[in-house]
N, C-alpha and C. Protein backbone atom coordinates (compact mmCIF):
# COMPACT_ATOMS: atom_id res chain seq x y z
N UNK A 1 26.53 2.63 -12.69
CA UNK A 1 25.52 2.68 -13.85
C UNK A 1 24.09 3.38 -13.11
N UNK A 2 23.73 4.67 -11.89
CA UNK A 2 22.80 4.68 -11.76
C UNK A 2 21.39 4.40 -12.71
N UNK A 3 20.14 3.21 -11.34
CA UNK A 3 19.29 3.08 -11.51
C UNK A 3 18.59 4.58 -11.40
N UNK A 4 17.48 4.85 -12.80
CA UNK A 4 16.45 6.11 -12.32
C UNK A 4 14.83 5.80 -12.17
N UNK A 5 13.88 5.72 -11.71
CA UNK A 5 12.15 5.62 -12.04
C UNK A 5 12.53 6.17 -13.92
N UNK A 6 10.68 5.14 -14.06
CA UNK A 6 10.43 6.18 -14.85
C UNK A 6 9.30 7.01 -14.87
N UNK A 7 10.04 7.52 -15.69
CA UNK A 7 9.28 9.26 -15.42
C UNK A 7 8.10 9.16 -16.95
N UNK A 8 6.68 8.99 -16.03
CA UNK A 8 5.81 9.06 -16.65
C UNK A 8 5.09 10.00 -16.64
N UNK A 9 5.50 10.49 -18.21
CA UNK A 9 4.68 11.60 -18.92
C UNK A 9 3.02 11.98 -19.13
N UNK A 10 2.05 13.35 -18.88
CA UNK A 10 1.46 13.53 -19.28
C UNK A 10 0.77 13.77 -20.20
N UNK A 11 1.60 13.50 -21.93
CA UNK A 11 1.15 13.64 -22.95
C UNK A 11 0.20 12.56 -23.25
N UNK A 12 -0.64 12.02 -24.57
CA UNK A 12 -0.14 10.90 -24.40
C UNK A 12 0.74 10.29 -26.15
N UNK A 13 0.38 9.30 -25.52
CA UNK A 13 1.74 9.19 -26.06
C UNK A 13 1.75 8.28 -27.47
N UNK A 14 2.68 7.97 -28.70
CA UNK A 14 1.85 8.01 -29.96
C UNK A 14 2.35 6.16 -29.77
N UNK A 15 2.17 6.32 -30.80
CA UNK A 15 2.03 3.85 -31.08
C UNK A 15 1.95 4.11 -32.23
N UNK A 16 2.64 3.34 -32.91
CA UNK A 16 2.76 3.09 -34.54
C UNK A 16 2.60 1.65 -35.41
N UNK A 17 1.13 1.23 -34.66
CA UNK A 17 1.44 -0.24 -34.75
C UNK A 17 -0.05 -0.16 -36.11
N UNK A 18 0.13 -1.24 -37.19
CA UNK A 18 -1.55 -1.21 -38.02
C UNK A 18 -2.45 -1.09 -37.48
N UNK A 19 -2.95 -2.03 -35.96
CA UNK A 19 -3.88 -1.96 -36.10
C UNK A 19 -4.58 -0.62 -35.13
N UNK A 20 -3.26 -0.29 -34.00
CA UNK A 20 -3.91 1.34 -33.59
C UNK A 20 -4.21 1.78 -34.85
N UNK A 21 -3.78 1.46 -35.35
CA UNK A 21 -3.61 3.50 -36.64
C UNK A 21 -5.39 2.68 -37.45
N UNK A 22 -5.09 1.80 -37.77
CA UNK A 22 -6.20 1.61 -38.28
C UNK A 22 -7.96 1.90 -37.58
N UNK A 23 -7.44 1.83 -35.88
CA UNK A 23 -7.96 1.60 -35.07
C UNK A 23 -8.64 3.90 -35.06
N UNK A 24 -7.48 4.19 -35.05
CA UNK A 24 -7.19 5.60 -34.76
C UNK A 24 -7.98 6.24 -35.66
N UNK A 25 -8.31 5.76 -37.41
CA UNK A 25 -8.72 6.09 -39.01
C UNK A 25 -9.69 5.87 -38.91
N UNK A 26 -10.47 4.25 -37.99
CA UNK A 26 -11.95 4.45 -38.56
C UNK A 26 -12.29 5.58 -36.70
N UNK A 27 -11.85 6.20 -35.88
CA UNK A 27 -12.39 6.67 -35.10
C UNK A 27 -12.78 7.96 -35.42
N UNK A 28 -11.28 8.46 -35.87
CA UNK A 28 -11.10 10.15 -37.26
C UNK A 28 -12.40 10.01 -37.75
N UNK A 29 -13.02 8.87 -38.74
CA UNK A 29 -14.20 8.64 -39.53
C UNK A 29 -14.86 8.92 -38.66
N UNK A 30 -16.12 8.50 -37.89
CA UNK A 30 -17.07 8.83 -37.31
C UNK A 30 -17.36 9.71 -36.33
N UNK A 31 -16.71 10.82 -36.45
CA UNK A 31 -16.69 12.30 -35.47
C UNK A 31 -17.75 12.23 -35.46
N UNK A 32 -17.72 12.60 -36.60
CA UNK A 32 -19.47 13.57 -37.16
C UNK A 32 -20.93 12.70 -37.93
N UNK A 33 -19.97 11.13 -36.89
CA UNK A 33 -21.37 9.80 -38.26
C UNK A 33 -22.95 9.80 -37.45
N UNK A 34 -24.19 10.08 -37.64
CA UNK A 34 -24.89 9.84 -36.69
C UNK A 34 -25.02 8.52 -36.12
N UNK A 35 -23.63 8.10 -35.35
CA UNK A 35 -23.91 7.05 -34.57
C UNK A 35 -23.81 6.65 -33.44
N UNK A 36 -24.08 5.07 -33.01
CA UNK A 36 -23.21 5.61 -31.21
C UNK A 36 -21.79 6.01 -31.05
N UNK A 37 -21.05 5.88 -31.54
CA UNK A 37 -18.98 5.50 -31.09
C UNK A 37 -19.11 7.47 -32.27
N UNK A 38 -20.30 7.62 -32.80
CA UNK A 38 -20.01 9.48 -33.17
C UNK A 38 -20.59 10.30 -31.43
N UNK A 39 -21.58 9.80 -31.54
CA UNK A 39 -22.54 10.26 -29.70
C UNK A 39 -21.02 9.77 -28.41
N UNK A 40 -20.74 9.38 -29.11
CA UNK A 40 -19.47 8.92 -27.44
C UNK A 40 -18.14 9.65 -27.70
N UNK A 41 -18.07 9.89 -29.14
CA UNK A 41 -16.92 9.99 -28.70
C UNK A 41 -17.20 11.66 -28.47
N UNK A 42 -18.65 12.81 -28.66
CA UNK A 42 -19.34 14.21 -28.64
C UNK A 42 -19.26 13.95 -27.86
N UNK A 43 -19.28 12.87 -26.48
CA UNK A 43 -20.04 13.06 -25.23
C UNK A 43 -18.24 12.48 -24.37
N UNK A 44 -16.90 12.84 -24.91
CA UNK A 44 -15.57 12.02 -24.21
C UNK A 44 -14.89 13.68 -24.80
N UNK A 45 -15.41 13.80 -26.29
CA UNK A 45 -14.06 15.23 -26.03
C UNK A 45 -15.66 16.33 -25.20
N UNK A 46 -16.14 16.57 -24.60
CA UNK A 46 -16.98 17.48 -23.84
C UNK A 46 -15.95 16.71 -21.96
N UNK A 47 -16.06 15.77 -22.42
CA UNK A 47 -15.05 16.11 -20.90
C UNK A 47 -13.58 16.27 -21.74
N UNK A 48 -12.98 15.63 -22.75
CA UNK A 48 -11.83 14.86 -22.11
C UNK A 48 -11.01 16.25 -23.35
N UNK A 49 -11.50 16.19 -23.87
CA UNK A 49 -11.17 17.33 -25.09
C UNK A 49 -10.99 16.03 -26.45
N UNK A 50 -10.86 16.76 -27.69
CA UNK A 50 -10.28 16.32 -29.36
C UNK A 50 -9.13 15.18 -29.22
N UNK A 51 -8.26 15.28 -28.39
CA UNK A 51 -7.19 14.43 -28.19
C UNK A 51 -7.66 13.08 -28.10
N UNK A 52 -7.88 13.51 -27.04
CA UNK A 52 -8.18 12.41 -25.69
C UNK A 52 -9.20 11.53 -26.10
N UNK A 53 -10.40 12.22 -26.43
CA UNK A 53 -10.88 11.29 -26.99
C UNK A 53 -11.11 11.40 -27.54
N UNK A 54 -10.47 11.13 -29.24
CA UNK A 54 -9.70 10.03 -29.98
C UNK A 54 -9.09 9.07 -29.82
N UNK A 55 -8.04 9.06 -28.50
CA UNK A 55 -7.40 7.31 -28.25
C UNK A 55 -7.54 7.23 -26.78
N UNK A 56 -6.92 6.48 -26.22
CA UNK A 56 -6.82 6.02 -24.39
C UNK A 56 -6.24 7.58 -24.03
N UNK A 57 -7.50 7.76 -22.87
CA UNK A 57 -6.86 8.89 -21.85
C UNK A 57 -6.06 8.64 -20.76
N UNK A 58 -4.76 8.69 -20.20
CA UNK A 58 -3.80 9.01 -19.31
C UNK A 58 -3.97 9.91 -18.41
N UNK A 59 -3.95 9.73 -17.41
CA UNK A 59 -4.23 10.68 -16.11
C UNK A 59 -3.29 11.67 -16.51
N UNK A 60 -3.18 12.87 -15.74
CA UNK A 60 -2.05 13.85 -15.24
C UNK A 60 -1.48 13.01 -14.11
N UNK A 61 -0.37 13.28 -13.85
CA UNK A 61 0.99 12.98 -12.18
C UNK A 61 0.69 11.75 -12.18
N UNK A 62 0.18 10.27 -12.85
CA UNK A 62 -0.17 8.32 -12.15
C UNK A 62 0.80 8.59 -11.18
N UNK A 63 2.12 8.67 -10.94
CA UNK A 63 2.75 8.38 -10.39
C UNK A 63 2.40 8.83 -8.70
N UNK A 64 1.24 10.15 -8.80
CA UNK A 64 1.94 10.46 -6.92
C UNK A 64 -0.58 9.81 -7.11
N UNK A 65 -0.77 10.20 -7.68
CA UNK A 65 -2.78 9.97 -8.21
C UNK A 65 -2.35 8.21 -7.60
N UNK A 66 -3.64 8.21 -6.90
CA UNK A 66 -3.86 6.54 -6.17
C UNK A 66 -5.17 5.88 -8.51
N UNK A 67 -5.01 4.82 -7.82
CA UNK A 67 -5.89 4.08 -9.18
C UNK A 67 -7.28 4.34 -8.89
N UNK A 68 -8.13 4.31 -9.73
CA UNK A 68 -9.21 5.14 -9.79
C UNK A 68 -10.20 4.49 -10.71
N UNK A 69 -11.69 4.02 -10.16
CA UNK A 69 -12.18 3.32 -11.41
C UNK A 69 -13.22 4.50 -11.63
N UNK A 70 -13.04 5.79 -11.40
CA UNK A 70 -14.22 7.39 -11.78
C UNK A 70 -13.61 7.29 -13.71
N UNK A 71 -14.73 7.63 -13.60
CA UNK A 71 -15.28 7.96 -14.93
C UNK A 71 -13.81 8.53 -16.72
N UNK A 72 -14.03 9.32 -15.53
CA UNK A 72 -12.71 10.73 -15.60
C UNK A 72 -11.76 10.30 -16.14
N UNK A 73 -10.98 9.02 -15.38
CA UNK A 73 -9.79 8.97 -15.43
C UNK A 73 -9.72 7.42 -16.33
N UNK A 74 -10.37 6.84 -16.38
CA UNK A 74 -10.07 5.11 -16.71
C UNK A 74 -10.62 5.10 -18.07
N UNK A 75 -11.09 6.32 -18.57
CA UNK A 75 -12.05 5.69 -19.89
C UNK A 75 -10.99 5.69 -21.29
N UNK A 76 -11.70 4.70 -22.31
CA UNK A 76 -11.04 5.42 -23.20
C UNK A 76 -12.07 5.36 -24.32
N UNK A 77 -10.54 6.13 -25.01
CA UNK A 77 -10.87 6.94 -26.66
C UNK A 77 -12.63 5.88 -27.18
N UNK A 78 -12.66 6.59 -28.37
CA UNK A 78 -13.42 6.09 -29.59
C UNK A 78 -12.61 4.84 -30.21
N UNK A 79 -11.13 5.10 -30.69
CA UNK A 79 -10.14 4.10 -31.20
C UNK A 79 -10.31 2.89 -30.81
N UNK A 80 -10.26 3.25 -28.94
CA UNK A 80 -10.12 1.84 -28.15
C UNK A 80 -11.59 0.95 -27.75
N UNK A 81 -12.50 1.57 -28.68
CA UNK A 81 -13.52 0.61 -28.10
C UNK A 81 -13.69 0.32 -29.57
N UNK A 82 -13.71 0.89 -30.44
CA UNK A 82 -13.97 0.66 -31.77
C UNK A 82 -13.22 -1.13 -31.83
N UNK A 83 -11.93 -0.63 -31.71
CA UNK A 83 -10.99 -2.50 -31.13
C UNK A 83 -11.38 -2.57 -30.08
N UNK A 84 -12.31 -2.72 -29.15
CA UNK A 84 -13.16 -3.66 -28.44
C UNK A 84 -14.17 -4.10 -29.92
N UNK A 85 -14.50 -4.18 -30.16
CA UNK A 85 -15.78 -3.81 -30.54
C UNK A 85 -15.84 -4.87 -31.90
N UNK A 86 -14.72 -4.64 -32.52
CA UNK A 86 -14.16 -5.11 -33.33
C UNK A 86 -13.03 -6.43 -33.23
N UNK A 87 -12.86 -6.64 -31.79
CA UNK A 87 -11.87 -8.08 -31.71
C UNK A 87 -13.71 -8.75 -31.43
N UNK A 88 -14.22 -7.95 -31.01
CA UNK A 88 -15.50 -8.49 -30.16
C UNK A 88 -16.23 -9.51 -31.05
N UNK A 89 -16.60 -8.88 -32.51
CA UNK A 89 -17.08 -9.47 -33.79
C UNK A 89 -17.05 -10.17 -33.97
N UNK A 90 -15.81 -10.46 -34.57
CA UNK A 90 -14.52 -10.89 -35.11
C UNK A 90 -14.76 -12.93 -34.19
N UNK A 91 -14.10 -12.43 -33.27
CA UNK A 91 -14.43 -14.14 -32.02
C UNK A 91 -15.54 -14.58 -31.83
N UNK A 92 -17.00 -13.56 -31.69
CA UNK A 92 -18.13 -13.96 -32.17
C UNK A 92 -18.77 -14.29 -32.79
N UNK A 93 -18.36 -14.15 -34.34
CA UNK A 93 -18.73 -14.35 -35.47
C UNK A 93 -20.07 -12.89 -35.83
N UNK A 94 -19.91 -12.54 -34.73
CA UNK A 94 -21.65 -11.92 -35.51
C UNK A 94 -21.04 -10.47 -36.50
N UNK A 95 -22.50 -10.26 -36.57
CA UNK A 95 -22.49 -9.22 -37.72
C UNK A 95 -23.08 -7.34 -36.50
N UNK A 96 -22.16 -6.76 -37.29
CA UNK A 96 -22.61 -5.72 -36.53
C UNK A 96 -23.92 -4.83 -36.25
N UNK A 97 -24.63 -4.39 -35.57
CA UNK A 97 -25.67 -3.38 -35.44
C UNK A 97 -25.25 -2.21 -34.29
N UNK A 98 -25.47 -1.40 -35.53
CA UNK A 98 -25.64 0.14 -33.99
C UNK A 98 -26.30 0.46 -34.15
N UNK A 99 -26.51 1.02 -32.83
CA UNK A 99 -27.65 1.76 -31.56
C UNK A 99 -28.56 2.91 -32.71
N UNK A 100 -27.44 3.67 -33.21
CA UNK A 100 -27.76 5.66 -33.87
C UNK A 100 -27.35 5.62 -32.09
N UNK A 101 -26.53 7.01 -32.42
CA UNK A 101 -27.02 8.26 -32.32
C UNK A 101 -27.82 8.59 -30.70
N UNK A 102 -28.76 8.55 -31.01
CA UNK A 102 -30.55 8.41 -30.52
C UNK A 102 -30.41 7.88 -28.96
N UNK A 103 -30.90 6.49 -29.65
CA UNK A 103 -30.21 4.90 -28.68
C UNK A 103 -29.16 5.58 -27.75
N UNK A 104 -28.60 5.53 -28.71
CA UNK A 104 -26.89 5.45 -27.58
C UNK A 104 -27.05 7.14 -26.38
N UNK A 105 -27.84 7.96 -26.79
CA UNK A 105 -28.14 9.15 -25.33
C UNK A 105 -28.83 8.86 -24.88
N UNK A 106 -29.84 8.71 -25.05
CA UNK A 106 -31.10 7.97 -24.17
C UNK A 106 -30.61 6.73 -23.49
N UNK A 107 -29.92 6.10 -23.81
CA UNK A 107 -29.31 5.00 -22.77
C UNK A 107 -27.98 5.10 -21.96
N UNK A 108 -27.60 6.34 -22.31
CA UNK A 108 -26.47 7.11 -22.00
C UNK A 108 -27.37 7.57 -20.57
N UNK A 109 -28.41 8.40 -20.54
CA UNK A 109 -29.03 9.37 -19.67
C UNK A 109 -30.39 7.96 -18.68
N UNK A 110 -30.81 6.79 -19.49
CA UNK A 110 -30.49 6.50 -18.06
C UNK A 110 -29.80 5.05 -17.53
N UNK A 111 -28.48 5.51 -17.77
CA UNK A 111 -27.84 5.32 -16.54
C UNK A 111 -27.21 6.10 -15.80
N UNK A 112 -27.38 7.93 -16.46
CA UNK A 112 -26.73 8.40 -15.36
C UNK A 112 -28.16 8.57 -14.30
N UNK A 113 -28.85 8.31 -15.09
CA UNK A 113 -29.77 8.63 -14.01
C UNK A 113 -30.60 7.42 -12.76
N UNK A 114 -30.10 6.47 -12.80
CA UNK A 114 -30.02 4.93 -11.97
C UNK A 114 -28.92 5.45 -11.23
N UNK A 115 -28.04 6.21 -11.67
CA UNK A 115 -26.21 6.90 -10.87
C UNK A 115 -26.86 7.45 -10.28
N UNK A 116 -27.84 9.04 -10.30
CA UNK A 116 -28.46 9.72 -8.82
C UNK A 116 -29.29 8.99 -8.49
N UNK A 117 -30.51 7.86 -8.69
CA UNK A 117 -30.75 7.93 -7.67
C UNK A 117 -30.48 6.90 -7.00
N UNK A 118 -29.43 5.72 -7.42
CA UNK A 118 -28.85 5.48 -6.19
C UNK A 118 -28.06 6.15 -5.26
N UNK A 119 -26.92 7.79 -6.49
CA UNK A 119 -26.20 8.04 -5.72
C UNK A 119 -27.66 8.95 -3.86
N UNK A 120 -28.94 9.19 -4.74
CA UNK A 120 -29.36 9.90 -3.97
C UNK A 120 -30.84 8.44 -2.18
N UNK A 121 -30.46 8.04 -2.57
CA UNK A 121 -30.31 6.48 -2.27
C UNK A 121 -29.63 6.89 -0.86
N UNK A 122 -28.66 6.87 -1.29
CA UNK A 122 -27.20 6.31 -0.28
C UNK A 122 -27.16 7.27 0.84
N UNK A 123 -27.34 8.47 0.35
CA UNK A 123 -27.59 10.12 1.18
C UNK A 123 -28.50 10.59 1.89
N UNK A 124 -29.40 9.08 1.43
CA UNK A 124 -31.30 9.36 2.10
C UNK A 124 -33.00 9.88 1.44
N UNK A 125 -32.11 10.56 0.42
CA UNK A 125 -33.52 10.83 -0.63
C UNK A 125 -33.65 10.39 -1.68
N UNK A 126 -34.91 10.51 -1.98
CA UNK A 126 -36.03 9.64 -3.41
C UNK A 126 -35.64 11.08 -3.40
N UNK A 127 -35.51 10.17 -5.25
CA UNK A 127 -35.17 11.33 -6.89
C UNK A 127 -36.94 10.81 -7.29
N UNK A 128 -37.56 12.07 -7.38
CA UNK A 128 -39.22 12.51 -7.87
C UNK A 128 -38.94 12.68 -9.90
N UNK A 129 -39.27 11.79 -10.90
CA UNK A 129 -38.71 12.43 -11.75
C UNK A 129 -40.12 13.77 -12.42
N UNK A 130 -39.17 14.58 -13.24
CA UNK A 130 -39.97 15.84 -13.55
C UNK A 130 -40.67 16.01 -15.21
N UNK A 131 -41.70 16.04 -15.59
CA UNK A 131 -41.24 15.91 -17.04
C UNK A 131 -40.91 18.13 -16.99
N UNK A 132 -40.03 17.86 -17.73
CA UNK A 132 -39.16 20.10 -17.74
C UNK A 132 -39.73 20.64 -19.35
């Protein structure tokens, strides 16, 4: 009997566990909400597409591509983020406090600006902020 290698498929794999299904249903409900999860979904949808933004994103040609930590290839969808949040809340026995979409977008812009400043400094440039 010949030994065959496992074929990696570029499509999103389905999973039918009860907690996973619950997280996907919650993720589908927060799509249009004015919450941090909704803002995260809208940002990931622009990068990955609607289906991949809901579930874990798997890069194409996994066997050929080296494992990297770039946001496009190792990102998680809203369902995984909901699952991690619920796990943290249950483990630490704390209440959930939503930041809201506006605060999430502000934090994301600050992170992106800090990354650009760091990249510019690495290349020998200095970024200065101007009002648009």
